[in-house]
Amino acid sequence: MKNMLKDAAILFAITLIAGAVLGFVYDVTKAPIAEQEAKAKSEACREVFADAAAFEALEGSEEEMTAVAAAGGYAKASINEVLTASDASGASLGYVITVTSHEGYGGDIRFSMGIRNDGTLNGISILSISETAGLGMRAEEVLKPQFANKNVAQFTYTKSGAVSDDQIDAISSATITTSAVTNAVNAGLYYFQTELKGGSSNE
């Protein structure tokens, strides 16, 4: 019995110390991590809306925005945030929509996309991706450029070579990643078309 109590006390002490160390590490790293995330978000906004002078978050919860996308047939994508993009005079240029695809081969894929008021997609900026090296990780190289400066209702992907603006060339041997990114871009476009186009958002 004494040995059992001793072992229990040792385990309790180890757990207590480990918890304290983890708490300390969290407190130390929390601010730098938040700072890096804010920096990445700012850089993504600038990348997809280079001519914007300011960005401001629109009201609306992630759950509500995601529900809109799901109703449009995009249940495997989340609409995380929507920002208005405006010029130096305060005039609206369009929106930056942050979307997460839950269809990636290696996990979630998150990116921001800039859409002008006329529906033109400036492009996308990938925030996080963990696909297979040499395959899905080529999304930055292969997929990303194909979405720039396109004004279409939605995209499809092809393995035989794109012949129109609404087609995306798939990454060779990485159809899952291609599909995940394409569907998530379409979710963002759908949200724009139903909730934002023409100033129909809750600004």
Protein backbone atom coordinates (compact mmCIF):
# COMPACT_ATOMS: atom_id res chain seq x y z
CA MET A 1 0.00 0.00 0.00
CA LYS A 2 2.85 2.40 0.88
CA ASN A 3 4.52 1.68 -2.46
CA MET A 4 1.27 2.35 -4.31
CA LEU A 5 0.78 5.66 -2.52
CA LYS A 6 4.40 6.59 -3.22
CA ASP A 7 4.04 5.77 -6.93
CA ALA A 8 0.79 7.72 -7.11
CA ALA A 9 2.43 10.72 -5.46
CA ILE A 10 5.34 10.58 -7.92
CA LEU A 11 2.98 10.38 -10.89
CA PHE A 12 0.95 13.28 -9.52
CA ALA A 13 4.10 15.37 -9.09
CA ILE A 14 5.29 14.55 -12.62
CA THR A 15 1.87 15.45 -14.04
CA LEU A 16 1.79 18.69 -12.08
CA ILE A 17 5.27 19.70 -13.24
CA ALA A 18 4.54 18.75 -16.85
CA GLY A 19 1.33 20.79 -16.77
CA ALA A 20 3.16 23.79 -15.36
CA VAL A 21 5.87 23.53 -18.03
CA LEU A 22 3.30 23.25 -20.83
CA GLY A 23 1.42 26.23 -19.44
CA PHE A 24 4.62 28.26 -19.32
CA VAL A 25 5.58 27.29 -22.89
CA TYR A 26 2.08 28.21 -24.09
CA ASP A 27 2.27 31.63 -22.44
CA VAL A 28 5.71 32.26 -23.94
CA THR A 29 4.77 31.18 -27.48
CA LYS A 30 1.18 32.47 -27.62
CA ALA A 31 2.06 36.06 -28.54
CA PRO A 32 4.69 35.21 -31.21
CA ILE A 33 2.35 32.69 -32.82
CA ALA A 34 -0.50 35.19 -32.90
CA GLU A 35 1.86 37.79 -34.35
CA GLN A 36 2.99 35.41 -37.11
CA GLU A 37 -0.61 34.47 -37.93
CA ALA A 38 -1.58 38.15 -38.18
CA LYS A 39 1.43 38.82 -40.41
CA ALA A 40 0.57 35.88 -42.69
CA LYS A 41 -3.02 37.08 -42.92
CA SER A 42 -1.93 40.62 -43.80
CA GLU A 43 0.50 39.37 -46.45
CA ALA A 44 -2.18 37.14 -47.97
CA CYS A 45 -4.58 40.09 -48.23
CA ARG A 46 -1.92 42.17 -49.95
CA GLU A 47 -1.13 39.34 -52.33
CA VAL A 48 -4.71 38.85 -53.51
CA PHE A 49 -5.61 42.56 -53.46
CA ALA A 50 -2.41 44.49 -54.18
CA ASP A 51 -4.21 47.74 -55.01
CA ALA A 52 -6.24 47.87 -51.78
CA ALA A 53 -5.29 50.39 -49.09
CA ALA A 54 -7.32 48.90 -46.24
CA PHE A 55 -9.11 45.72 -45.20
CA GLU A 56 -11.97 45.48 -42.72
CA ALA A 57 -13.71 42.38 -41.39
CA LEU A 58 -17.41 41.98 -42.09
CA GLU A 59 -19.79 40.91 -39.38
CA GLY A 60 -20.99 37.31 -39.42
CA SER A 61 -19.94 34.12 -37.71
CA GLU A 62 -17.94 31.38 -39.38
CA GLU A 63 -20.81 28.97 -38.71
CA GLU A 64 -23.32 31.19 -40.51
CA MET A 65 -21.07 31.80 -43.49
CA THR A 66 -20.16 28.12 -43.76
CA ALA A 67 -23.85 27.20 -43.67
CA VAL A 68 -24.39 29.35 -46.77
CA ALA A 69 -21.64 27.46 -48.62
CA ALA A 70 -23.05 24.12 -47.46
CA ALA A 71 -26.50 25.07 -48.76
CA GLY A 72 -24.90 25.66 -52.14
CA GLY A 73 -23.42 22.16 -52.21
CA TYR A 74 -20.04 22.91 -50.61
CA ALA A 75 -20.39 21.10 -47.31
CA LYS A 76 -16.69 20.18 -47.20
CA ALA A 77 -15.46 23.77 -47.13
CA SER A 78 -15.60 26.39 -44.40
CA ILE A 79 -15.88 30.13 -44.94
CA ASN A 80 -13.64 31.42 -42.15
CA GLU A 81 -13.65 35.17 -42.65
CA VAL A 82 -14.66 37.89 -45.08
CA LEU A 83 -12.87 41.24 -45.34
CA THR A 84 -13.82 44.23 -47.44
CA ALA A 85 -11.00 45.64 -49.56
CA SER A 86 -11.09 49.39 -50.14
CA ASP A 87 -8.92 51.98 -51.82
CA ALA A 88 -7.31 55.05 -50.23
CA SER A 89 -10.54 57.04 -50.53
CA GLY A 90 -12.53 54.32 -48.78
CA ALA A 91 -14.30 53.11 -51.90
CA SER A 92 -15.00 49.39 -51.99
CA LEU A 93 -12.91 47.34 -54.40
CA GLY A 94 -14.14 43.89 -53.44
CA TYR A 95 -13.58 41.23 -50.82
CA VAL A 96 -10.98 38.89 -49.38
CA ILE A 97 -12.54 35.58 -48.39
CA THR A 98 -10.63 33.04 -46.31
CA VAL A 99 -11.70 29.46 -47.01
CA THR A 100 -10.68 26.08 -45.58
CA SER A 101 -11.06 22.89 -47.59
CA HIS A 102 -11.61 19.72 -45.55
CA GLU A 103 -10.94 17.48 -48.55
CA GLY A 104 -7.15 17.60 -48.67
CA TYR A 105 -5.20 14.35 -48.85
CA GLY A 106 -2.99 15.37 -45.93
CA GLY A 107 -5.50 17.46 -43.99
CA ASP A 108 -7.14 20.86 -44.23
CA ILE A 109 -6.02 23.37 -46.85
CA ARG A 110 -6.61 27.04 -46.02
CA PHE A 111 -6.23 30.00 -48.37
CA SER A 112 -7.44 33.55 -48.97
CA MET A 113 -8.99 34.63 -52.24
CA GLY A 114 -9.49 38.16 -53.54
CA ILE A 115 -12.65 38.89 -55.52
CA ARG A 116 -13.42 42.22 -57.14
CA ASN A 117 -16.91 43.69 -57.10
CA ASP A 118 -17.44 42.59 -60.71
CA GLY A 119 -16.68 38.97 -59.78
CA THR A 120 -13.10 38.83 -61.07
CA LEU A 121 -10.95 36.52 -58.98
CA ASN A 122 -7.60 38.26 -58.46
CA GLY A 123 -6.08 35.01 -57.23
CA ILE A 124 -5.55 32.92 -54.13
CA SER A 125 -2.90 32.92 -51.39
CA ILE A 126 -2.33 29.61 -49.62
CA LEU A 127 -2.09 30.00 -45.83
CA SER A 128 -1.66 26.38 -44.76
CA ILE A 129 -1.27 23.08 -46.60
CA SER A 130 0.21 19.70 -45.67
CA GLU A 131 -0.15 17.59 -48.80
CA THR A 132 2.31 15.00 -50.10
CA ALA A 133 5.71 16.44 -51.01
CA GLY A 134 6.28 16.52 -54.77
CA LEU A 135 2.58 15.90 -55.44
CA GLY A 136 -0.14 17.83 -53.62
CA MET A 137 2.39 20.29 -52.25
CA ARG A 138 2.80 21.50 -55.84
CA ALA A 139 -0.53 23.34 -55.43
CA GLU A 140 1.39 26.57 -54.87
CA GLU A 141 3.31 26.07 -58.10
CA VAL A 142 0.68 24.48 -60.34
CA LEU A 143 -2.80 25.43 -59.14
CA LYS A 144 -2.40 28.86 -57.63
CA PRO A 145 -1.41 30.74 -60.84
CA GLN A 146 -4.35 29.27 -62.74
CA PHE A 147 -6.96 31.03 -60.60
CA ALA A 148 -5.56 34.54 -61.16
CA ASN A 149 -7.58 37.15 -63.07
CA LYS A 150 -10.50 34.89 -63.97
CA ASN A 151 -14.15 35.95 -63.98
CA VAL A 152 -16.23 32.77 -63.97
CA ALA A 153 -19.14 31.41 -61.94
CA GLN A 154 -17.21 28.31 -60.92
CA PHE A 155 -14.23 26.17 -61.87
CA THR A 156 -13.81 22.58 -62.93
CA TYR A 157 -10.55 20.68 -63.24
CA THR A 158 -9.30 18.57 -66.10
CA LYS A 159 -6.47 16.11 -66.66
CA SER A 160 -6.26 16.74 -70.41
CA GLY A 161 -5.38 20.43 -70.53
CA ALA A 162 -7.52 23.49 -69.80
CA VAL A 163 -9.21 25.00 -72.85
CA SER A 164 -11.27 27.75 -71.16
CA ASP A 165 -11.03 30.18 -68.24
CA ASP A 166 -13.25 28.03 -66.04
CA GLN A 167 -10.98 24.97 -66.34
CA ILE A 168 -7.99 24.20 -64.13
CA ASP A 169 -5.22 21.79 -65.11
CA ALA A 170 -4.97 19.14 -62.40
CA ILE A 171 -1.69 18.44 -60.63
CA SER A 172 -0.29 15.22 -62.08
CA SER A 173 -0.99 12.30 -59.68
CA ALA A 174 -2.62 14.65 -57.16
CA THR A 175 -6.27 14.75 -58.16
CA ILE A 176 -7.46 14.84 -54.53
CA THR A 177 -5.53 18.03 -53.82
CA THR A 178 -6.68 19.59 -57.09
CA SER A 179 -10.30 18.74 -56.32
CA ALA A 180 -9.99 20.03 -52.74
CA VAL A 181 -8.64 23.43 -53.79
CA THR A 182 -11.01 23.81 -56.75
CA ASN A 183 -14.09 22.97 -54.69
CA ALA A 184 -13.06 25.37 -51.94
CA VAL A 185 -12.48 28.18 -54.45
CA ASN A 186 -15.96 27.45 -55.81
CA ALA A 187 -17.34 27.67 -52.27
CA GLY A 188 -15.84 31.14 -51.93
CA LEU A 189 -17.22 32.18 -55.31
CA TYR A 190 -20.64 30.89 -54.35
CA TYR A 191 -20.58 32.84 -51.10
CA PHE A 192 -19.59 35.99 -53.00
CA GLN A 193 -22.33 35.52 -55.59
CA THR A 194 -25.10 34.88 -53.06
CA GLU A 195 -24.10 37.11 -50.14
CA LEU A 196 -21.71 39.82 -51.31
CA LYS A 197 -22.18 40.67 -54.99
CA GLY A 198 -23.95 43.95 -55.51
CA GLY A 199 -23.41 44.94 -51.88
CA SER A 200 -25.95 42.44 -50.53
CA SER A 201 -23.80 41.59 -47.50
CA ASN A 202 -24.46 42.68 -43.93
CA GLU A 203 -22.08 45.63 -44.11
